[in-house]
Amino acid sequence: MKINIIAAVARNRAIGYNGDMVYFIKEDLRRFRQLTTGHTVICCSAQSNPRIRRTSDRPT
């Protein structure tokens, strides 16, 4: 089984702050969508993040 992990990590190793992403870069989210389309995505608080939309071509 192959598992890939995608994480946006700040210099202080933070991955979130107050329930939100550390920073928002539109190009990063486009790349995330490109890499995950057609694959299963397992997320935690990102599911409620409006910047990461659920799509029918990317099961969660």
PDB file of N, CA and C in Angstrom:
ATOM      1  N   MET A   1       0.847  -1.170   0.000  1.00  0.00           N
ATOM      2  CA  MET A   1       0.000   0.000   0.000  1.00  0.00           C
ATOM      3  C   MET A   1       0.894   1.235   0.000  1.00  0.00           C
ATOM      4  N   LYS A   2       0.520   2.210  -0.786  1.00  0.00           N
ATOM      5  CA  LYS A   2       1.268   3.461  -0.868  1.00  0.00           C
ATOM      6  C   LYS A   2       0.424   4.579  -0.269  1.00  0.00           C
ATOM      7  N   ILE A   3       1.022   5.351   0.637  1.00  0.00           N
ATOM      8  CA  ILE A   3       0.342   6.482   1.259  1.00  0.00           C
ATOM      9  C   ILE A   3       1.167   7.731   1.005  1.00  0.00           C
ATOM     10  N   ASN A   4       0.534   8.758   0.474  1.00  0.00           N
ATOM     11  CA  ASN A   4       1.191  10.050   0.260  1.00  0.00           C
ATOM     12  C   ASN A   4       0.630  11.052   1.256  1.00  0.00           C
ATOM     13  N   ILE A   5       1.496  11.894   1.782  1.00  0.00           N
ATOM     14  CA  ILE A   5       1.075  12.923   2.724  1.00  0.00           C
ATOM     15  C   ILE A   5       1.420  14.284   2.141  1.00  0.00           C
ATOM     16  N   ILE A   6       0.444  15.182   2.157  1.00  0.00           N
ATOM     17  CA  ILE A   6       0.649  16.559   1.705  1.00  0.00           C
ATOM     18  C   ILE A   6       0.371  17.453   2.904  1.00  0.00           C
ATOM     19  N   ALA A   7       1.337  18.268   3.257  1.00  0.00           N
ATOM     20  CA  ALA A   7       1.152  19.162   4.406  1.00  0.00           C
ATOM     21  C   ALA A   7       1.817  20.503   4.134  1.00  0.00           C
ATOM     22  N   ALA A   8       1.127  21.562   4.495  1.00  0.00           N
ATOM     23  CA  ALA A   8       1.712  22.902   4.454  1.00  0.00           C
ATOM     24  C   ALA A   8       2.220  23.185   5.863  1.00  0.00           C
ATOM     25  N   VAL A   9       3.525  23.362   5.986  1.00  0.00           N
ATOM     26  CA  VAL A   9       4.139  23.520   7.303  1.00  0.00           C
ATOM     27  C   VAL A   9       4.878  24.851   7.360  1.00  0.00           C
ATOM     28  N   ALA A  10       4.619  25.620   8.414  1.00  0.00           N
ATOM     29  CA  ALA A  10       5.296  26.902   8.608  1.00  0.00           C
ATOM     30  C   ALA A  10       6.721  26.667   9.114  1.00  0.00           C
ATOM     31  N   ARG A  11       7.519  27.698   9.119  1.00  0.00           N
ATOM     32  CA  ARG A  11       8.907  27.575   9.583  1.00  0.00           C
ATOM     33  C   ARG A  11       9.004  27.095  11.027  1.00  0.00           C
ATOM     34  N   ASN A  12       8.014  27.425  11.837  1.00  0.00           N
ATOM     35  CA  ASN A  12       8.027  26.969  13.229  1.00  0.00           C
ATOM     36  C   ASN A  12       7.351  25.603  13.383  1.00  0.00           C
ATOM     37  N   ARG A  13       7.148  24.910  12.260  1.00  0.00           N
ATOM     38  CA  ARG A  13       6.569  23.569  12.165  1.00  0.00           C
ATOM     39  C   ARG A  13       5.074  23.521  12.465  1.00  0.00           C
ATOM     40  N   ALA A  14       4.432  24.653  12.484  1.00  0.00           N
ATOM     41  CA  ALA A  14       2.984  24.692  12.706  1.00  0.00           C
ATOM     42  C   ALA A  14       2.253  24.280  11.434  1.00  0.00           C
ATOM     43  N   ILE A  15       1.142  23.573  11.607  1.00  0.00           N
ATOM     44  CA  ILE A  15       0.310  23.206  10.456  1.00  0.00           C
ATOM     45  C   ILE A  15      -1.057  23.874  10.520  1.00  0.00           C
ATOM     46  N   GLY A  16      -1.312  24.604  11.590  1.00  0.00           N
ATOM     47  CA  GLY A  16      -2.570  25.317  11.730  1.00  0.00           C
ATOM     48  C   GLY A  16      -2.515  26.275  12.900  1.00  0.00           C
ATOM     49  N   TYR A  17      -3.488  27.182  12.932  1.00  0.00           N
ATOM     50  CA  TYR A  17      -3.571  28.143  14.023  1.00  0.00           C
ATOM     51  C   TYR A  17      -5.024  28.534  14.223  1.00  0.00           C
ATOM     52  N   ASN A  18      -5.532  28.340  15.416  1.00  0.00           N
ATOM     53  CA  ASN A  18      -6.932  28.658  15.745  1.00  0.00           C
ATOM     54  C   ASN A  18      -7.920  27.996  14.785  1.00  0.00           C
ATOM     55  N   GLY A  19      -7.660  26.751  14.435  1.00  0.00           N
ATOM     56  CA  GLY A  19      -8.567  26.008  13.574  1.00  0.00           C
ATOM     57  C   GLY A  19      -8.513  26.362  12.105  1.00  0.00           C
ATOM     58  N   ASP A  20      -7.517  27.123  11.686  1.00  0.00           N
ATOM     59  CA  ASP A  20      -7.399  27.512  10.282  1.00  0.00           C
ATOM     60  C   ASP A  20      -6.006  27.152   9.783  1.00  0.00           C
ATOM     61  N   MET A  21      -5.811  27.276   8.494  1.00  0.00           N
ATOM     62  CA  MET A  21      -4.498  27.033   7.915  1.00  0.00           C
ATOM     63  C   MET A  21      -3.551  28.153   8.324  1.00  0.00           C
ATOM     64  N   VAL A  22      -2.261  27.826   8.400  1.00  0.00           N
ATOM     65  CA  VAL A  22      -1.261  28.808   8.811  1.00  0.00           C
ATOM     66  C   VAL A  22      -1.211  29.966   7.826  1.00  0.00           C
ATOM     67  N   TYR A  23      -1.315  29.656   6.547  1.00  0.00           N
ATOM     68  CA  TYR A  23      -1.307  30.689   5.521  1.00  0.00           C
ATOM     69  C   TYR A  23      -2.134  30.207   4.343  1.00  0.00           C
ATOM     70  N   PHE A  24      -2.493  31.109   3.466  1.00  0.00           N
ATOM     71  CA  PHE A  24      -3.330  30.790   2.317  1.00  0.00           C
ATOM     72  C   PHE A  24      -2.616  31.236   1.053  1.00  0.00           C
ATOM     73  N   ILE A  25      -2.226  30.268   0.240  1.00  0.00           N
ATOM     74  CA  ILE A  25      -1.582  30.548  -1.042  1.00  0.00           C
ATOM     75  C   ILE A  25      -2.409  29.830  -2.110  1.00  0.00           C
ATOM     76  N   LYS A  26      -3.030  30.606  -2.975  1.00  0.00           N
ATOM     77  CA  LYS A  26      -3.942  30.061  -3.980  1.00  0.00           C
ATOM     78  C   LYS A  26      -3.276  28.982  -4.842  1.00  0.00           C
ATOM     79  N   GLU A  27      -2.034  29.208  -5.227  1.00  0.00           N
ATOM     80  CA  GLU A  27      -1.323  28.242  -6.070  1.00  0.00           C
ATOM     81  C   GLU A  27      -1.132  26.909  -5.344  1.00  0.00           C
ATOM     82  N   ASP A  28      -0.909  26.958  -4.030  1.00  0.00           N
ATOM     83  CA  ASP A  28      -0.768  25.725  -3.253  1.00  0.00           C
ATOM     84  C   ASP A  28      -2.065  24.923  -3.267  1.00  0.00           C
ATOM     85  N   LEU A  29      -3.195  25.604  -3.134  1.00  0.00           N
ATOM     86  CA  LEU A  29      -4.474  24.903  -3.150  1.00  0.00           C
ATOM     87  C   LEU A  29      -4.782  24.326  -4.531  1.00  0.00           C
ATOM     88  N   ARG A  30      -4.384  25.025  -5.586  1.00  0.00           N
ATOM     89  CA  ARG A  30      -4.547  24.474  -6.946  1.00  0.00           C
ATOM     90  C   ARG A  30      -3.713  23.200  -7.108  1.00  0.00           C
ATOM     91  N   ARG A  31      -2.492  23.237  -6.604  1.00  0.00           N
ATOM     92  CA  ARG A  31      -1.608  22.067  -6.682  1.00  0.00           C
ATOM     93  C   ARG A  31      -2.179  20.909  -5.859  1.00  0.00           C
ATOM     94  N   PHE A  32      -2.719  21.210  -4.682  1.00  0.00           N
ATOM     95  CA  PHE A  32      -3.359  20.190  -3.848  1.00  0.00           C
ATOM     96  C   PHE A  32      -4.495  19.521  -4.617  1.00  0.00           C
ATOM     97  N   ARG A  33      -5.314  20.327  -5.263  1.00  0.00           N
ATOM     98  CA  ARG A  33      -6.429  19.774  -6.040  1.00  0.00           C
ATOM     99  C   ARG A  33      -5.913  18.907  -7.192  1.00  0.00           C
ATOM    100  N   GLN A  34      -4.879  19.374  -7.878  1.00  0.00           N
ATOM    101  CA  GLN A  34      -4.310  18.616  -8.993  1.00  0.00           C
ATOM    102  C   GLN A  34      -3.785  17.262  -8.517  1.00  0.00           C
ATOM    103  N   LEU A  35      -3.106  17.245  -7.382  1.00  0.00           N
ATOM    104  CA  LEU A  35      -2.519  16.009  -6.870  1.00  0.00           C
ATOM    105  C   LEU A  35      -3.556  15.046  -6.302  1.00  0.00           C
ATOM    106  N   THR A  36      -4.663  15.551  -5.784  1.00  0.00           N
ATOM    107  CA  THR A  36      -5.623  14.694  -5.098  1.00  0.00           C
ATOM    108  C   THR A  36      -6.828  14.299  -5.937  1.00  0.00           C
ATOM    109  N   THR A  37      -7.053  14.948  -7.065  1.00  0.00           N
ATOM    110  CA  THR A  37      -8.201  14.611  -7.905  1.00  0.00           C
ATOM    111  C   THR A  37      -8.107  13.155  -8.349  1.00  0.00           C
ATOM    112  N   GLY A  38      -9.181  12.413  -8.122  1.00  0.00           N
ATOM    113  CA  GLY A  38      -9.223  11.003  -8.484  1.00  0.00           C
ATOM    114  C   GLY A  38      -8.698  10.079  -7.405  1.00  0.00           C
ATOM    115  N   HIS A  39      -8.312  10.640  -6.265  1.00  0.00           N
ATOM    116  CA  HIS A  39      -7.774   9.847  -5.156  1.00  0.00           C
ATOM    117  C   HIS A  39      -8.567  10.124  -3.885  1.00  0.00           C
ATOM    118  N   THR A  40      -8.501   9.206  -2.954  1.00  0.00           N
ATOM    119  CA  THR A  40      -9.151   9.399  -1.664  1.00  0.00           C
ATOM    120  C   THR A  40      -8.357  10.392  -0.837  1.00  0.00           C
ATOM    121  N   VAL A  41      -9.072  11.301  -0.167  1.00  0.00           N
ATOM    122  CA  VAL A  41      -8.442  12.318   0.674  1.00  0.00           C
ATOM    123  C   VAL A  41      -8.956  12.141   2.098  1.00  0.00           C
ATOM    124  N   ILE A  42      -8.040  12.052   3.039  1.00  0.00           N
ATOM    125  CA  ILE A  42      -8.397  11.967   4.453  1.00  0.00           C
ATOM    126  C   ILE A  42      -7.919  13.247   5.109  1.00  0.00           C
ATOM    127  N   CYS A  43      -8.858  14.035   5.625  1.00  0.00           N
ATOM    128  CA  CYS A  43      -8.500  15.295   6.289  1.00  0.00           C
ATOM    129  C   CYS A  43      -9.226  15.390   7.613  1.00  0.00           C
ATOM    130  N   CYS A  44      -8.762  16.332   8.358  1.00  0.00           N
ATOM    131  CA  CYS A  44      -9.370  16.563   9.668  1.00  0.00           C
ATOM    132  C   CYS A  44     -10.148  17.868   9.620  1.00  0.00           C
ATOM    133  N   SER A  45      -9.600  18.917  10.192  1.00  0.00           N
ATOM    134  CA  SER A  45     -10.317  20.189  10.231  1.00  0.00           C
ATOM    135  C   SER A  45     -10.446  20.815   8.845  1.00  0.00           C
ATOM    136  N   ALA A  46      -9.660  20.363   7.896  1.00  0.00           N
ATOM    137  CA  ALA A  46      -9.730  20.926   6.546  1.00  0.00           C
ATOM    138  C   ALA A  46     -11.087  20.670   5.903  1.00  0.00           C
ATOM    139  N   GLN A  47     -11.814  19.629   6.363  1.00  0.00           N
ATOM    140  CA  GLN A  47     -13.121  19.346   5.779  1.00  0.00           C
ATOM    141  C   GLN A  47     -14.082  20.501   5.978  1.00  0.00           C
ATOM    142  N   SER A  48     -13.930  21.218   7.057  1.00  0.00           N
ATOM    143  CA  SER A  48     -14.824  22.342   7.303  1.00  0.00           C
ATOM    144  C   SER A  48     -14.247  23.648   6.771  1.00  0.00           C
ATOM    145  N   ASN A  49     -13.065  23.588   6.182  1.00  0.00           N
ATOM    146  CA  ASN A  49     -12.427  24.785   5.654  1.00  0.00           C
ATOM    147  C   ASN A  49     -13.033  25.101   4.287  1.00  0.00           C
ATOM    148  N   PRO A  50     -13.623  26.276   4.119  1.00  0.00           N
ATOM    149  CA  PRO A  50     -14.253  26.600   2.833  1.00  0.00           C
ATOM    150  C   PRO A  50     -13.258  26.716   1.683  1.00  0.00           C
ATOM    151  N   ARG A  51     -11.964  26.827   1.976  1.00  0.00           N
ATOM    152  CA  ARG A  51     -10.961  26.937   0.910  1.00  0.00           C
ATOM    153  C   ARG A  51     -10.703  25.596   0.240  1.00  0.00           C
ATOM    154  N   ILE A  52     -11.016  24.506   0.927  1.00  0.00           N
ATOM    155  CA  ILE A  52     -10.845  23.172   0.357  1.00  0.00           C
ATOM    156  C   ILE A  52     -12.238  22.594   0.150  1.00  0.00           C
ATOM    157  N   ARG A  53     -12.696  22.601  -1.085  1.00  0.00           N
ATOM    158  CA  ARG A  53     -14.048  22.151  -1.395  1.00  0.00           C
ATOM    159  C   ARG A  53     -14.063  20.662  -1.696  1.00  0.00           C
ATOM    160  N   ARG A  54     -15.127  20.008  -1.277  1.00  0.00           N
ATOM    161  CA  ARG A  54     -15.321  18.608  -1.649  1.00  0.00           C
ATOM    162  C   ARG A  54     -15.781  18.562  -3.098  1.00  0.00           C
ATOM    163  N   THR A  55     -15.297  17.580  -3.827  1.00  0.00           N
ATOM    164  CA  THR A  55     -15.729  17.406  -5.210  1.00  0.00           C
ATOM    165  C   THR A  55     -16.093  15.952  -5.434  1.00  0.00           C
ATOM    166  N   SER A  56     -16.906  15.684  -6.432  1.00  0.00           N
ATOM    167  CA  SER A  56     -17.323  14.315  -6.709  1.00  0.00           C
ATOM    168  C   SER A  56     -16.182  13.483  -7.278  1.00  0.00           C
ATOM    169  N   ASP A  57     -15.148  14.118  -7.824  1.00  0.00           N
ATOM    170  CA  ASP A  57     -14.022  13.371  -8.391  1.00  0.00           C
ATOM    171  C   ASP A  57     -12.913  13.131  -7.370  1.00  0.00           C
ATOM    172  N   ARG A  58     -13.172  13.485  -6.102  1.00  0.00           N
ATOM    173  CA  ARG A  58     -12.173  13.291  -5.051  1.00  0.00           C
ATOM    174  C   ARG A  58     -12.907  12.859  -3.787  1.00  0.00           C
ATOM    175  N   PRO A  59     -13.080  11.534  -3.593  1.00  0.00           N
ATOM    176  CA  PRO A  59     -13.816  11.070  -2.412  1.00  0.00           C
ATOM    177  C   PRO A  59     -13.077  11.417  -1.125  1.00  0.00           C
ATOM    178  N   THR A  60     -13.818  11.694  -0.056  1.00  0.00           N
ATOM    179  CA  THR A  60     -13.206  11.975   1.246  1.00  0.00           C
ATOM    180  C   THR A  60     -13.665  10.979   2.272  1.00  0.00           C
TER     181      THR A  60
END
